[in-house]
Amino acid sequence: MHTLAVKYRPSSFAEVCGQRAIVSILQKQIELKTFKNAYLFAGASGCGKTTVARIFATEVNKYLLDTGEWASSDPIEIDGASNNGVENVRNIIAEASERSLEGMYKIYIIDEAQGLSSAAWQAFLKCIEEPPKYTIFIFCTTDPQKIPAT
């Protein structure tokens, strides 16, 4: 049995409430295919950061197959609070350098990004500054002050 939050979680941008400006910007990037390699979604708990990140990731990776059918690749979701060490980040970096087999982009959603240790952020820094071409990182946080300024 799913919780009400999971059962009624929006699955498309049209279903998202209260984030019109953000949704509009993300939809425009999808329309123009002008994606960035890193995003930071910050806000209060329950405001829809992870939900919007999931929808965005799914939309980015939709592509038309030769058969005329739509297909997509699921994003890779990682809980930053539980996977907050340097070794966890090094594993993510190693995986990020490999091209996605299912979609155009390999997309990582790092939820609770404020939970990453300082050493983990330092390990992540070069990968975020010079990311693999077809990799997108979406960091979701309730406490953006804990994210390093760099």
C-alpha atoms as a PDB file:
ATOM      1  CA  MET A   1       0.000   0.000   0.000  1.00  0.00           C
ATOM      2  CA  HIS A   2       1.321   3.444  -0.964  1.00  0.00           C
ATOM      3  CA  THR A   3       1.135   6.528   1.203  1.00  0.00           C
ATOM      4  CA  LEU A   4      -1.151   9.324   0.024  1.00  0.00           C
ATOM      5  CA  ALA A   5       1.880  11.412  -0.939  1.00  0.00           C
ATOM      6  CA  VAL A   6       3.146   8.652  -3.238  1.00  0.00           C
ATOM      7  CA  LYS A   7      -0.295   7.722  -4.555  1.00  0.00           C
ATOM      8  CA  TYR A   8      -1.120  11.296  -5.582  1.00  0.00           C
ATOM      9  CA  ARG A   9       2.382  12.451  -6.559  1.00  0.00           C
ATOM     10  CA  PRO A  10       2.268  14.345  -9.870  1.00  0.00           C
ATOM     11  CA  SER A  11       3.659  12.425 -12.833  1.00  0.00           C
ATOM     12  CA  SER A  12       3.642  15.271 -15.367  1.00  0.00           C
ATOM     13  CA  PHE A  13       4.323  18.992 -15.350  1.00  0.00           C
ATOM     14  CA  ALA A  14       0.608  19.653 -15.914  1.00  0.00           C
ATOM     15  CA  GLU A  15      -0.179  18.048 -12.543  1.00  0.00           C
ATOM     16  CA  VAL A  16       2.366  20.114 -10.553  1.00  0.00           C
ATOM     17  CA  CYS A  17       0.813  22.821  -8.359  1.00  0.00           C
ATOM     18  CA  GLY A  18       2.433  26.028  -7.176  1.00  0.00           C
ATOM     19  CA  GLN A  19       5.657  25.881  -9.203  1.00  0.00           C
ATOM     20  CA  ARG A  20       4.549  27.558 -12.471  1.00  0.00           C
ATOM     21  CA  ALA A  21       7.700  29.669 -13.006  1.00  0.00           C
ATOM     22  CA  ILE A  22      10.027  26.731 -12.420  1.00  0.00           C
ATOM     23  CA  VAL A  23       7.946  24.371 -14.537  1.00  0.00           C
ATOM     24  CA  SER A  24       7.850  26.944 -17.348  1.00  0.00           C
ATOM     25  CA  ILE A  25      11.652  27.316 -17.340  1.00  0.00           C
ATOM     26  CA  LEU A  26      12.204  23.544 -17.338  1.00  0.00           C
ATOM     27  CA  GLN A  27       9.646  22.981 -20.104  1.00  0.00           C
ATOM     28  CA  LYS A  28      11.352  25.630 -22.236  1.00  0.00           C
ATOM     29  CA  GLN A  29      14.710  23.889 -21.759  1.00  0.00           C
ATOM     30  CA  ILE A  30      13.112  20.607 -22.853  1.00  0.00           C
ATOM     31  CA  GLU A  31      11.501  22.257 -25.867  1.00  0.00           C
ATOM     32  CA  LEU A  32      14.788  23.861 -26.940  1.00  0.00           C
ATOM     33  CA  LYS A  33      16.918  20.889 -25.807  1.00  0.00           C
ATOM     34  CA  THR A  34      19.176  23.268 -23.863  1.00  0.00           C
ATOM     35  CA  PHE A  35      19.903  21.241 -20.759  1.00  0.00           C
ATOM     36  CA  LYS A  36      22.458  22.144 -18.132  1.00  0.00           C
ATOM     37  CA  ASN A  37      24.659  19.516 -16.528  1.00  0.00           C
ATOM     38  CA  ALA A  38      23.808  20.468 -12.953  1.00  0.00           C
ATOM     39  CA  TYR A  39      20.699  21.795 -11.231  1.00  0.00           C
ATOM     40  CA  LEU A  40      19.991  22.758  -7.637  1.00  0.00           C
ATOM     41  CA  PHE A  41      16.393  22.462  -6.459  1.00  0.00           C
ATOM     42  CA  ALA A  42      15.998  24.056  -3.038  1.00  0.00           C
ATOM     43  CA  GLY A  43      12.932  24.575  -0.908  1.00  0.00           C
ATOM     44  CA  ALA A  44      10.958  23.520   2.123  1.00  0.00           C
ATOM     45  CA  SER A  45      10.196  19.888   2.792  1.00  0.00           C
ATOM     46  CA  GLY A  46       7.229  18.720   0.719  1.00  0.00           C
ATOM     47  CA  CYS A  47       7.259  21.564  -1.822  1.00  0.00           C
ATOM     48  CA  GLY A  48       7.885  19.211  -4.765  1.00  0.00           C
ATOM     49  CA  LYS A  49      11.637  19.391  -5.398  1.00  0.00           C
ATOM     50  CA  THR A  50      12.145  15.665  -5.941  1.00  0.00           C
ATOM     51  CA  THR A  51       8.845  15.279  -7.783  1.00  0.00           C
ATOM     52  CA  VAL A  52       9.732  18.041 -10.254  1.00  0.00           C
ATOM     53  CA  ALA A  53      13.233  16.563 -10.607  1.00  0.00           C
ATOM     54  CA  ARG A  54      11.744  13.160 -11.496  1.00  0.00           C
ATOM     55  CA  ILE A  55       9.350  14.659 -14.042  1.00  0.00           C
ATOM     56  CA  PHE A  56      12.120  16.771 -15.586  1.00  0.00           C
ATOM     57  CA  ALA A  57      14.473  13.782 -15.811  1.00  0.00           C
ATOM     58  CA  THR A  58      11.802  11.666 -17.474  1.00  0.00           C
ATOM     59  CA  GLU A  59      10.964  14.407 -19.981  1.00  0.00           C
ATOM     60  CA  VAL A  60      14.620  15.022 -20.846  1.00  0.00           C
ATOM     61  CA  ASN A  61      15.121  11.385 -21.696  1.00  0.00           C
ATOM     62  CA  LYS A  62      12.033  10.884 -23.825  1.00  0.00           C
ATOM     63  CA  TYR A  63      12.985  10.175 -27.361  1.00  0.00           C
ATOM     64  CA  LEU A  64      11.249   8.987 -30.492  1.00  0.00           C
ATOM     65  CA  LEU A  65      12.316   5.525 -31.573  1.00  0.00           C
ATOM     66  CA  ASP A  66      12.390   4.460 -35.229  1.00  0.00           C
ATOM     67  CA  THR A  67       9.133   2.611 -34.610  1.00  0.00           C
ATOM     68  CA  GLY A  68       7.389   5.846 -33.640  1.00  0.00           C
ATOM     69  CA  GLU A  69       6.985   4.794 -30.009  1.00  0.00           C
ATOM     70  CA  TRP A  70       8.044   6.915 -27.074  1.00  0.00           C
ATOM     71  CA  ALA A  71      10.458   5.444 -24.567  1.00  0.00           C
ATOM     72  CA  SER A  72      12.445   6.829 -21.681  1.00  0.00           C
ATOM     73  CA  SER A  73      15.119   6.032 -19.167  1.00  0.00           C
ATOM     74  CA  ASP A  74      14.489   6.308 -15.431  1.00  0.00           C
ATOM     75  CA  PRO A  75      16.682   8.665 -13.428  1.00  0.00           C
ATOM     76  CA  ILE A  76      19.089   7.290 -10.839  1.00  0.00           C
ATOM     77  CA  GLU A  77      17.927   8.458  -7.412  1.00  0.00           C
ATOM     78  CA  ILE A  78      20.413   8.617  -4.574  1.00  0.00           C
ATOM     79  CA  ASP A  79      19.744   9.623  -0.974  1.00  0.00           C
ATOM     80  CA  GLY A  80      22.541  12.055  -0.116  1.00  0.00           C
ATOM     81  CA  ALA A  81      22.002  11.613   3.618  1.00  0.00           C
ATOM     82  CA  SER A  82      22.606   7.851   3.430  1.00  0.00           C
ATOM     83  CA  ASN A  83      25.304   7.918   0.728  1.00  0.00           C
ATOM     84  CA  ASN A  84      27.272  10.862   2.058  1.00  0.00           C
ATOM     85  CA  GLY A  85      30.847   9.580   2.020  1.00  0.00           C
ATOM     86  CA  VAL A  86      33.721  10.121  -0.379  1.00  0.00           C
ATOM     87  CA  GLU A  87      33.653   6.495  -1.537  1.00  0.00           C
ATOM     88  CA  ASN A  88      29.945   6.775  -2.410  1.00  0.00           C
ATOM     89  CA  VAL A  89      30.641   9.897  -4.474  1.00  0.00           C
ATOM     90  CA  ARG A  90      33.607   8.258  -6.215  1.00  0.00           C
ATOM     91  CA  ASN A  91      31.311   5.392  -7.242  1.00  0.00           C
ATOM     92  CA  ILE A  92      28.778   7.881  -8.626  1.00  0.00           C
ATOM     93  CA  ILE A  93      31.521   9.691 -10.555  1.00  0.00           C
ATOM     94  CA  ALA A  94      32.789   6.419 -12.038  1.00  0.00           C
ATOM     95  CA  GLU A  95      29.271   5.428 -13.118  1.00  0.00           C
ATOM     96  CA  ALA A  96      28.543   8.923 -14.466  1.00  0.00           C
ATOM     97  CA  SER A  97      31.412   8.666 -16.927  1.00  0.00           C
ATOM     98  CA  GLU A  98      29.657   5.761 -18.683  1.00  0.00           C
ATOM     99  CA  ARG A  99      27.031   6.630 -21.303  1.00  0.00           C
ATOM    100  CA  SER A 100      23.409   5.664 -20.655  1.00  0.00           C
ATOM    101  CA  LEU A 101      22.214   2.677 -22.652  1.00  0.00           C
ATOM    102  CA  GLU A 102      18.523   3.488 -22.293  1.00  0.00           C
ATOM    103  CA  GLY A 103      18.243   7.237 -22.809  1.00  0.00           C
ATOM    104  CA  MET A 104      20.197  10.129 -24.219  1.00  0.00           C
ATOM    105  CA  TYR A 105      21.277  11.315 -20.765  1.00  0.00           C
ATOM    106  CA  LYS A 106      22.253   9.581 -17.558  1.00  0.00           C
ATOM    107  CA  ILE A 107      20.466  11.611 -14.907  1.00  0.00           C
ATOM    108  CA  TYR A 108      21.248  11.492 -11.197  1.00  0.00           C
ATOM    109  CA  ILE A 109      18.863  12.930  -8.634  1.00  0.00           C
ATOM    110  CA  ILE A 110      20.744  13.468  -5.386  1.00  0.00           C
ATOM    111  CA  ASP A 111      18.007  13.928  -2.781  1.00  0.00           C
ATOM    112  CA  GLU A 112      18.852  15.465   0.599  1.00  0.00           C
ATOM    113  CA  ALA A 113      22.073  16.809  -0.946  1.00  0.00           C
ATOM    114  CA  GLN A 114      22.785  18.820   2.200  1.00  0.00           C
ATOM    115  CA  GLY A 115      23.618  15.465   3.826  1.00  0.00           C
ATOM    116  CA  LEU A 116      26.761  14.991   1.733  1.00  0.00           C
ATOM    117  CA  SER A 117      29.917  15.446   3.788  1.00  0.00           C
ATOM    118  CA  SER A 118      32.379  18.228   3.029  1.00  0.00           C
ATOM    119  CA  ALA A 119      34.865  15.656   1.734  1.00  0.00           C
ATOM    120  CA  ALA A 120      32.170  14.156  -0.512  1.00  0.00           C
ATOM    121  CA  TRP A 121      31.436  17.592  -2.002  1.00  0.00           C
ATOM    122  CA  GLN A 122      35.153  18.108  -2.629  1.00  0.00           C
ATOM    123  CA  ALA A 123      35.258  14.769  -4.466  1.00  0.00           C
ATOM    124  CA  PHE A 124      32.184  15.811  -6.500  1.00  0.00           C
ATOM    125  CA  LEU A 125      33.514  19.251  -7.403  1.00  0.00           C
ATOM    126  CA  LYS A 126      35.557  18.406 -10.511  1.00  0.00           C
ATOM    127  CA  CYS A 127      32.794  16.187 -11.900  1.00  0.00           C
ATOM    128  CA  ILE A 128      30.231  18.959 -11.434  1.00  0.00           C
ATOM    129  CA  GLU A 129      32.505  21.590 -12.994  1.00  0.00           C
ATOM    130  CA  GLU A 130      33.546  19.362 -15.905  1.00  0.00           C
ATOM    131  CA  PRO A 131      30.742  16.795 -16.185  1.00  0.00           C
ATOM    132  CA  PRO A 132      30.578  14.011 -18.731  1.00  0.00           C
ATOM    133  CA  LYS A 133      28.737  15.347 -21.791  1.00  0.00           C
ATOM    134  CA  TYR A 134      25.613  13.194 -21.419  1.00  0.00           C
ATOM    135  CA  THR A 135      25.256  13.289 -17.633  1.00  0.00           C
ATOM    136  CA  ILE A 136      22.948  15.558 -15.635  1.00  0.00           C
ATOM    137  CA  PHE A 137      23.030  15.988 -11.856  1.00  0.00           C
ATOM    138  CA  ILE A 138      19.987  17.326 -10.006  1.00  0.00           C
ATOM    139  CA  PHE A 139      20.659  18.175  -6.372  1.00  0.00           C
ATOM    140  CA  CYS A 140      17.589  18.531  -4.137  1.00  0.00           C
ATOM    141  CA  THR A 141      17.976  20.161  -0.736  1.00  0.00           C
ATOM    142  CA  THR A 142      16.005  21.725   2.069  1.00  0.00           C
ATOM    143  CA  ASP A 143      19.105  23.539   3.312  1.00  0.00           C
ATOM    144  CA  PRO A 144      21.017  25.223   0.451  1.00  0.00           C
ATOM    145  CA  GLN A 145      23.365  26.965   2.927  1.00  0.00           C
ATOM    146  CA  LYS A 146      25.030  23.588   3.497  1.00  0.00           C
ATOM    147  CA  ILE A 147      25.908  23.263  -0.200  1.00  0.00           C
ATOM    148  CA  PRO A 148      29.434  24.579  -0.890  1.00  0.00           C
ATOM    149  CA  ALA A 149      29.422  27.927  -2.716  1.00  0.00           C
ATOM    150  CA  THR A 150      31.655  26.607  -5.487  1.00  0.00           C
END
